[in-house]
Protein backbone atom coordinates (compact mmCIF):
# COMPACT_ATOMS: atom_id res chain seq x y z
CA UNK A 1 -62.45 260.31 284.14
CA UNK A 2 -63.48 263.53 283.87
CA UNK A 3 -62.74 264.70 279.81
CA UNK A 4 -60.76 267.49 279.24
CA UNK A 5 -61.91 270.33 277.96
CA UNK A 6 -61.37 272.40 274.55
CA UNK A 7 -58.81 275.26 275.20
CA UNK A 8 -59.22 278.20 273.07
CA UNK A 9 -55.85 278.99 273.58
CA UNK A 10 -53.86 275.60 272.70
CA UNK A 11 -50.38 277.16 270.92
CA UNK A 12 -49.15 280.61 271.63
CA UNK A 13 -49.41 283.64 268.17
CA UNK A 14 -47.24 286.24 267.56
CA UNK A 15 -49.30 289.26 269.12
CA UNK A 16 -50.32 291.75 265.67
CA UNK A 17 -49.26 294.70 267.27
CA UNK A 18 -46.79 294.08 270.91
CA UNK A 19 -47.69 297.14 272.53
CA UNK A 20 -51.26 296.05 272.70
CA UNK A 21 -50.66 293.19 273.78
CA UNK A 22 -47.65 293.95 276.66
CA UNK A 23 -51.15 297.12 277.64
CA UNK A 24 -53.74 293.77 277.84
CA UNK A 25 -51.14 291.94 280.06
CA UNK A 26 -51.10 295.44 282.55
CA UNK A 27 -54.68 295.43 282.29
CA UNK A 28 -55.39 291.59 282.87
CA UNK A 29 -53.09 291.54 285.17
CA UNK A 30 -54.22 294.23 287.43
CA UNK A 31 -57.33 292.52 287.68
CA UNK A 32 -56.03 289.31 288.47
CA UNK A 33 -54.30 290.97 291.40
CA UNK A 34 -57.35 292.56 293.02
CA UNK A 35 -58.88 289.95 292.28
CA UNK A 36 -57.82 287.67 293.91
CA UNK A 37 -57.08 290.24 297.25
CA UNK A 38 -61.35 289.62 297.35
CA UNK A 39 -61.31 286.59 296.86
CA UNK A 40 -59.13 286.38 300.45
CA UNK A 41 -61.15 289.00 301.85
CA UNK A 42 -64.60 286.60 301.09
CA UNK A 43 -65.23 289.17 298.76
CA UNK A 44 -65.26 287.22 295.52
CA UNK A 45 -66.37 283.56 295.41
CA UNK A 46 -63.80 280.77 293.79
CA UNK A 47 -65.61 280.50 290.46
CA UNK A 48 -65.58 284.51 289.60
CA UNK A 49 -61.78 284.14 290.52
CA UNK A 50 -61.00 281.19 287.54
CA UNK A 51 -62.88 282.45 285.65
CA UNK A 52 -61.29 286.15 285.61
CA UNK A 53 -57.97 283.67 285.80
CA UNK A 54 -58.19 282.54 282.87
CA UNK A 55 -58.92 285.15 280.97
CA UNK A 56 -55.49 286.15 282.19
CA UNK A 57 -54.38 282.69 281.05
CA UNK A 58 -55.80 283.15 277.13
CA UNK A 59 -53.19 285.74 275.99
CA UNK A 60 -50.19 284.79 278.07
CA UNK A 61 -47.29 283.23 275.61
CA UNK A 62 -47.67 279.48 277.14
CA UNK A 63 -49.05 276.89 275.15
CA UNK A 64 -51.01 273.36 276.34
CA UNK A 65 -48.14 271.65 275.40
CA UNK A 66 -46.31 273.32 277.54
CA UNK A 67 -48.57 272.07 281.05
CA UNK A 68 -48.56 268.31 279.22
């Protein structure tokens, strides 16, 4: 059985600046959507897409505990 990798974002922490977090969330979300479109057009491979999606997930208000 494969071991689970340690996650960088185990628990949600409130951002120091909501405005900066909101701006970053919009930028990363836009990048994720554009990258998914490229993936569907075979212009991006699944490993590159996964990296972008993990980057977006790292700032979302969810925790690893929520997924168990």
